[in-house]
């Protein structure tokens, strides 16, 4: 089969140089396996992003999250944080609430989280919040799928475990942004 499909294999086989044949075969097999892994990874990532559109269509349409502490507590923090970043400063102290508090230390703000530093400096507050939520949902799905595969689950059960982890646990905690952000990195931390 190899002799008729790939001329290199035919030449090597004719020379009876089995060591070279084995080396080339392993190299070609590794490349094809890597290619398939990349395609599968892209498929899992596309599924993760697609599921955010299924479960959170309002966010994809430019809406925001309302209710609970999101609007009354987190949004003003994020506005103050974003304004500080756009002015080129970190919000060490928020003087707008009561007698003030150390916003840099407030876990809900995530002031030093790298993604927040980029999103809230460059996007509107609502858009940055939505992009962060959708990104972390997709990250949680992909990370859980990878962890399930590492634990030797087949592809479909791995996808089911990722679905249950991401959409069974996260939506109930949507008002706790730190839980979403931290929970999305947990499967990847265990996978490593």
C-alpha atoms as a PDB file:
ATOM      1  CA  UNK A   1       0.000   0.000   0.000  1.00  0.00           C
ATOM      2  CA  UNK A   2       2.722   2.475   0.937  1.00  0.00           C
ATOM      3  CA  UNK A   3       4.687   1.765  -2.243  1.00  0.00           C
ATOM      4  CA  UNK A   4       1.755   2.703  -4.476  1.00  0.00           C
ATOM      5  CA  UNK A   5       0.527   5.725  -2.504  1.00  0.00           C
ATOM      6  CA  UNK A   6       3.717   7.570  -1.568  1.00  0.00           C
ATOM      7  CA  UNK A   7       6.721   7.367  -3.929  1.00  0.00           C
ATOM      8  CA  UNK A   8       9.189   7.921  -1.085  1.00  0.00           C
ATOM      9  CA  UNK A   9       8.077   4.715   0.558  1.00  0.00           C
ATOM     10  CA  UNK A  10       8.459   2.801  -2.690  1.00  0.00           C
ATOM     11  CA  UNK A  11      12.052   3.969  -3.133  1.00  0.00           C
ATOM     12  CA  UNK A  12      12.944   3.128   0.439  1.00  0.00           C
ATOM     13  CA  UNK A  13      11.267  -0.252   0.269  1.00  0.00           C
ATOM     14  CA  UNK A  14      13.143  -1.065  -2.920  1.00  0.00           C
ATOM     15  CA  UNK A  15      16.428  -0.388  -1.150  1.00  0.00           C
ATOM     16  CA  UNK A  16      15.315  -2.613   1.724  1.00  0.00           C
ATOM     17  CA  UNK A  17      16.319   0.144   4.105  1.00  0.00           C
ATOM     18  CA  UNK A  18      13.787  -0.660   6.797  1.00  0.00           C
ATOM     19  CA  UNK A  19      15.286   1.708   9.374  1.00  0.00           C
ATOM     20  CA  UNK A  20      14.769   4.674   7.030  1.00  0.00           C
ATOM     21  CA  UNK A  21      11.297   3.432   6.139  1.00  0.00           C
ATOM     22  CA  UNK A  22      10.394   3.209   9.801  1.00  0.00           C
ATOM     23  CA  UNK A  23      11.739   6.719  10.445  1.00  0.00           C
ATOM     24  CA  UNK A  24       9.792   8.255   7.529  1.00  0.00           C
ATOM     25  CA  UNK A  25       6.648   6.316   8.420  1.00  0.00           C
ATOM     26  CA  UNK A  26       6.766   7.546  12.021  1.00  0.00           C
ATOM     27  CA  UNK A  27       7.378  11.110  10.815  1.00  0.00           C
ATOM     28  CA  UNK A  28       4.383  11.018   8.434  1.00  0.00           C
ATOM     29  CA  UNK A  29       2.194   9.316  11.040  1.00  0.00           C
ATOM     30  CA  UNK A  30       3.149  11.929  13.656  1.00  0.00           C
ATOM     31  CA  UNK A  31       2.288  14.744  11.258  1.00  0.00           C
ATOM     32  CA  UNK A  32      -1.098  13.231  10.410  1.00  0.00           C
ATOM     33  CA  UNK A  33      -1.857  12.586  14.098  1.00  0.00           C
ATOM     34  CA  UNK A  34      -0.935  16.174  14.957  1.00  0.00           C
ATOM     35  CA  UNK A  35      -3.119  17.447  12.121  1.00  0.00           C
ATOM     36  CA  UNK A  36      -6.072  15.371  13.367  1.00  0.00           C
ATOM     37  CA  UNK A  37      -5.504  16.611  16.920  1.00  0.00           C
ATOM     38  CA  UNK A  38      -5.566  20.219  15.712  1.00  0.00           C
ATOM     39  CA  UNK A  39      -8.774  19.611  13.737  1.00  0.00           C
ATOM     40  CA  UNK A  40     -10.374  17.916  16.759  1.00  0.00           C
ATOM     41  CA  UNK A  41      -9.258  20.795  19.004  1.00  0.00           C
ATOM     42  CA  UNK A  42     -10.806  23.329  16.647  1.00  0.00           C
ATOM     43  CA  UNK A  43     -14.015  21.288  16.568  1.00  0.00           C
ATOM     44  CA  UNK A  44     -14.195  21.199  20.378  1.00  0.00           C
ATOM     45  CA  UNK A  45     -13.496  24.946  20.577  1.00  0.00           C
ATOM     46  CA  UNK A  46     -16.172  25.680  17.956  1.00  0.00           C
ATOM     47  CA  UNK A  47     -18.632  23.522  19.904  1.00  0.00           C
ATOM     48  CA  UNK A  48     -17.776  25.396  23.097  1.00  0.00           C
ATOM     49  CA  UNK A  49     -18.379  28.772  21.457  1.00  0.00           C
ATOM     50  CA  UNK A  50     -21.536  27.500  19.758  1.00  0.00           C
ATOM     51  CA  UNK A  51     -22.940  26.328  23.076  1.00  0.00           C
ATOM     52  CA  UNK A  52     -22.502  29.802  24.549  1.00  0.00           C
ATOM     53  CA  UNK A  53     -24.704  31.065  21.719  1.00  0.00           C
ATOM     54  CA  UNK A  54     -27.310  28.400  22.524  1.00  0.00           C
ATOM     55  CA  UNK A  55     -27.368  28.967  26.285  1.00  0.00           C
ATOM     56  CA  UNK A  56     -26.727  32.740  26.323  1.00  0.00           C
ATOM     57  CA  UNK A  57     -28.196  34.126  23.057  1.00  0.00           C
ATOM     58  CA  UNK A  58     -28.948  37.495  24.663  1.00  0.00           C
ATOM     59  CA  UNK A  59     -25.260  38.041  25.340  1.00  0.00           C
ATOM     60  CA  UNK A  60     -24.406  37.395  21.701  1.00  0.00           C
ATOM     61  CA  UNK A  61     -27.019  39.951  20.672  1.00  0.00           C
ATOM     62  CA  UNK A  62     -25.355  42.700  22.723  1.00  0.00           C
ATOM     63  CA  UNK A  63     -27.484  42.373  25.848  1.00  0.00           C
ATOM     64  CA  UNK A  64     -26.173  42.230  29.364  1.00  0.00           C
ATOM     65  CA  UNK A  65     -26.869  40.406  32.565  1.00  0.00           C
ATOM     66  CA  UNK A  66     -29.238  41.971  35.066  1.00  0.00           C
ATOM     67  CA  UNK A  67     -30.484  40.948  38.459  1.00  0.00           C
ATOM     68  CA  UNK A  68     -28.982  40.053  41.769  1.00  0.00           C
ATOM     69  CA  UNK A  69     -25.758  41.848  42.600  1.00  0.00           C
ATOM     70  CA  UNK A  70     -24.713  42.249  38.978  1.00  0.00           C
ATOM     71  CA  UNK A  71     -26.321  45.586  38.295  1.00  0.00           C
ATOM     72  CA  UNK A  72     -26.292  47.172  41.745  1.00  0.00           C
ATOM     73  CA  UNK A  73     -22.886  46.023  42.997  1.00  0.00           C
ATOM     74  CA  UNK A  74     -20.585  44.757  40.233  1.00  0.00           C
ATOM     75  CA  UNK A  75     -21.415  47.181  37.443  1.00  0.00           C
ATOM     76  CA  UNK A  76     -20.397  50.313  39.405  1.00  0.00           C
ATOM     77  CA  UNK A  77     -17.140  48.557  40.390  1.00  0.00           C
ATOM     78  CA  UNK A  78     -16.426  47.665  36.791  1.00  0.00           C
ATOM     79  CA  UNK A  79     -17.184  51.205  35.606  1.00  0.00           C
ATOM     80  CA  UNK A  80     -14.772  52.667  38.170  1.00  0.00           C
ATOM     81  CA  UNK A  81     -12.184  50.020  37.237  1.00  0.00           C
ATOM     82  CA  UNK A  82     -12.524  50.654  33.489  1.00  0.00           C
ATOM     83  CA  UNK A  83     -12.290  54.421  33.915  1.00  0.00           C
ATOM     84  CA  UNK A  84      -9.114  54.007  35.949  1.00  0.00           C
ATOM     85  CA  UNK A  85      -7.559  51.730  33.330  1.00  0.00           C
ATOM     86  CA  UNK A  86      -8.398  54.160  30.525  1.00  0.00           C
ATOM     87  CA  UNK A  87      -6.724  56.938  32.520  1.00  0.00           C
ATOM     88  CA  UNK A  88      -3.643  54.750  32.902  1.00  0.00           C
ATOM     89  CA  UNK A  89      -4.028  53.964  36.615  1.00  0.00           C
ATOM     90  CA  UNK A  90      -5.017  50.966  38.690  1.00  0.00           C
ATOM     91  CA  UNK A  91      -7.982  51.533  40.992  1.00  0.00           C
ATOM     92  CA  UNK A  92      -6.287  51.175  44.368  1.00  0.00           C
ATOM     93  CA  UNK A  93      -9.064  52.877  46.322  1.00  0.00           C
ATOM     94  CA  UNK A  94     -12.698  53.393  45.357  1.00  0.00           C
ATOM     95  CA  UNK A  95     -13.843  56.561  47.128  1.00  0.00           C
ATOM     96  CA  UNK A  96     -17.323  56.510  45.584  1.00  0.00           C
ATOM     97  CA  UNK A  97     -18.837  53.900  47.930  1.00  0.00           C
ATOM     98  CA  UNK A  98     -19.354  54.817  51.589  1.00  0.00           C
ATOM     99  CA  UNK A  99     -16.041  55.873  53.089  1.00  0.00           C
ATOM    100  CA  UNK A 100     -14.240  53.988  50.350  1.00  0.00           C
ATOM    101  CA  UNK A 101     -12.644  50.569  50.102  1.00  0.00           C
ATOM    102  CA  UNK A 102      -9.551  49.022  48.500  1.00  0.00           C
ATOM    103  CA  UNK A 103     -10.874  48.098  45.079  1.00  0.00           C
ATOM    104  CA  UNK A 104      -7.566  46.575  44.065  1.00  0.00           C
ATOM    105  CA  UNK A 105      -8.156  43.936  46.764  1.00  0.00           C
ATOM    106  CA  UNK A 106     -11.812  43.341  45.859  1.00  0.00           C
ATOM    107  CA  UNK A 107     -12.051  39.875  44.340  1.00  0.00           C
ATOM    108  CA  UNK A 108     -15.110  40.761  42.258  1.00  0.00           C
ATOM    109  CA  UNK A 109     -13.155  43.386  40.342  1.00  0.00           C
ATOM    110  CA  UNK A 110     -10.277  41.097  39.407  1.00  0.00           C
ATOM    111  CA  UNK A 111      -8.121  44.181  38.969  1.00  0.00           C
ATOM    112  CA  UNK A 112      -4.895  42.336  38.144  1.00  0.00           C
ATOM    113  CA  UNK A 113      -6.429  39.499  36.120  1.00  0.00           C
ATOM    114  CA  UNK A 114      -4.682  39.782  32.713  1.00  0.00           C
ATOM    115  CA  UNK A 115      -7.833  39.380  30.620  1.00  0.00           C
ATOM    116  CA  UNK A 116      -9.636  42.071  32.651  1.00  0.00           C
ATOM    117  CA  UNK A 117      -6.717  44.447  32.176  1.00  0.00           C
ATOM    118  CA  UNK A 118      -7.103  44.130  28.418  1.00  0.00           C
ATOM    119  CA  UNK A 119     -10.897  43.937  28.094  1.00  0.00           C
ATOM    120  CA  UNK A 120     -11.896  46.738  30.444  1.00  0.00           C
ATOM    121  CA  UNK A 121      -9.293  49.096  29.050  1.00  0.00           C
ATOM    122  CA  UNK A 122     -10.317  48.582  25.418  1.00  0.00           C
ATOM    123  CA  UNK A 123     -14.052  47.759  25.415  1.00  0.00           C
ATOM    124  CA  UNK A 124     -17.167  49.250  26.951  1.00  0.00           C
ATOM    125  CA  UNK A 125     -17.954  47.874  30.400  1.00  0.00           C
ATOM    126  CA  UNK A 126     -20.942  45.795  29.250  1.00  0.00           C
ATOM    127  CA  UNK A 127     -19.075  44.406  26.245  1.00  0.00           C
ATOM    128  CA  UNK A 128     -16.002  43.573  28.336  1.00  0.00           C
ATOM    129  CA  UNK A 129     -18.144  41.772  30.907  1.00  0.00           C
ATOM    130  CA  UNK A 130     -20.011  39.803  28.243  1.00  0.00           C
ATOM    131  CA  UNK A 131     -16.831  38.854  26.340  1.00  0.00           C
ATOM    132  CA  UNK A 132     -15.233  37.720  29.592  1.00  0.00           C
ATOM    133  CA  UNK A 133     -18.233  35.568  30.518  1.00  0.00           C
ATOM    134  CA  UNK A 134     -18.497  33.939  27.083  1.00  0.00           C
ATOM    135  CA  UNK A 135     -14.740  33.338  26.902  1.00  0.00           C
ATOM    136  CA  UNK A 136     -14.704  31.646  30.305  1.00  0.00           C
ATOM    137  CA  UNK A 137     -17.689  29.445  29.462  1.00  0.00           C
ATOM    138  CA  UNK A 138     -15.885  28.257  26.314  1.00  0.00           C
ATOM    139  CA  UNK A 139     -12.642  27.835  28.275  1.00  0.00           C
ATOM    140  CA  UNK A 140     -14.406  25.743  30.918  1.00  0.00           C
ATOM    141  CA  UNK A 141     -15.931  23.493  28.255  1.00  0.00           C
ATOM    142  CA  UNK A 142     -12.629  22.964  26.418  1.00  0.00           C
ATOM    143  CA  UNK A 143     -10.671  22.458  29.635  1.00  0.00           C
ATOM    144  CA  UNK A 144     -13.148  19.934  30.992  1.00  0.00           C
ATOM    145  CA  UNK A 145     -13.173  18.056  27.687  1.00  0.00           C
ATOM    146  CA  UNK A 146      -9.359  17.858  27.764  1.00  0.00           C
ATOM    147  CA  UNK A 147      -9.390  16.667  31.362  1.00  0.00           C
ATOM    148  CA  UNK A 148     -12.008  14.021  30.607  1.00  0.00           C
ATOM    149  CA  UNK A 149      -9.930  12.786  27.655  1.00  0.00           C
ATOM    150  CA  UNK A 150      -6.843  12.676  29.904  1.00  0.00           C
ATOM    151  CA  UNK A 151      -8.910  10.525  32.283  1.00  0.00           C
ATOM    152  CA  UNK A 152      -9.448   8.200  29.275  1.00  0.00           C
ATOM    153  CA  UNK A 153     -13.085   8.960  28.549  1.00  0.00           C
ATOM    154  CA  UNK A 154     -14.113   8.563  24.915  1.00  0.00           C
ATOM    155  CA  UNK A 155     -14.893  11.719  22.919  1.00  0.00           C
ATOM    156  CA  UNK A 156     -18.663  11.735  23.400  1.00  0.00           C
ATOM    157  CA  UNK A 157     -18.599  11.067  27.168  1.00  0.00           C
ATOM    158  CA  UNK A 158     -15.880  13.734  27.447  1.00  0.00           C
ATOM    159  CA  UNK A 159     -18.151  16.205  25.648  1.00  0.00           C
ATOM    160  CA  UNK A 160     -21.048  15.261  27.919  1.00  0.00           C
ATOM    161  CA  UNK A 161     -18.930  15.767  31.034  1.00  0.00           C
ATOM    162  CA  UNK A 162     -17.801  19.162  29.709  1.00  0.00           C
ATOM    163  CA  UNK A 163     -21.415  20.108  28.989  1.00  0.00           C
ATOM    164  CA  UNK A 164     -22.567  19.102  32.469  1.00  0.00           C
ATOM    165  CA  UNK A 165     -19.647  20.827  34.200  1.00  0.00           C
ATOM    166  CA  UNK A 166     -20.011  24.055  32.260  1.00  0.00           C
ATOM    167  CA  UNK A 167     -23.768  24.440  31.983  1.00  0.00           C
ATOM    168  CA  UNK A 168     -24.819  22.539  35.085  1.00  0.00           C
ATOM    169  CA  UNK A 169     -22.620  24.426  37.528  1.00  0.00           C
ATOM    170  CA  UNK A 170     -21.840  27.846  36.052  1.00  0.00           C
ATOM    171  CA  UNK A 171     -25.252  29.425  35.291  1.00  0.00           C
ATOM    172  CA  UNK A 172     -26.338  29.255  38.925  1.00  0.00           C
ATOM    173  CA  UNK A 173     -23.222  31.258  39.809  1.00  0.00           C
ATOM    174  CA  UNK A 174     -23.493  33.880  37.081  1.00  0.00           C
ATOM    175  CA  UNK A 175     -23.718  36.619  39.692  1.00  0.00           C
ATOM    176  CA  UNK A 176     -20.389  35.475  41.163  1.00  0.00           C
ATOM    177  CA  UNK A 177     -17.918  36.412  38.473  1.00  0.00           C
ATOM    178  CA  UNK A 178     -14.932  35.183  40.480  1.00  0.00           C
ATOM    179  CA  UNK A 179     -16.523  31.705  40.621  1.00  0.00           C
ATOM    180  CA  UNK A 180     -16.927  31.642  36.839  1.00  0.00           C
ATOM    181  CA  UNK A 181     -13.375  32.837  36.204  1.00  0.00           C
ATOM    182  CA  UNK A 182     -11.798  30.508  38.751  1.00  0.00           C
ATOM    183  CA  UNK A 183     -14.019  27.570  37.862  1.00  0.00           C
ATOM    184  CA  UNK A 184     -13.173  27.880  34.182  1.00  0.00           C
ATOM    185  CA  UNK A 185      -9.443  27.414  34.875  1.00  0.00           C
ATOM    186  CA  UNK A 186      -9.902  24.460  37.272  1.00  0.00           C
ATOM    187  CA  UNK A 187     -10.152  21.676  34.652  1.00  0.00           C
ATOM    188  CA  UNK A 188      -7.060  23.001  32.856  1.00  0.00           C
ATOM    189  CA  UNK A 189      -5.153  23.176  36.145  1.00  0.00           C
ATOM    190  CA  UNK A 190      -6.027  19.530  36.816  1.00  0.00           C
ATOM    191  CA  UNK A 191      -5.253  18.572  33.210  1.00  0.00           C
ATOM    192  CA  UNK A 192      -1.723  19.975  33.468  1.00  0.00           C
END
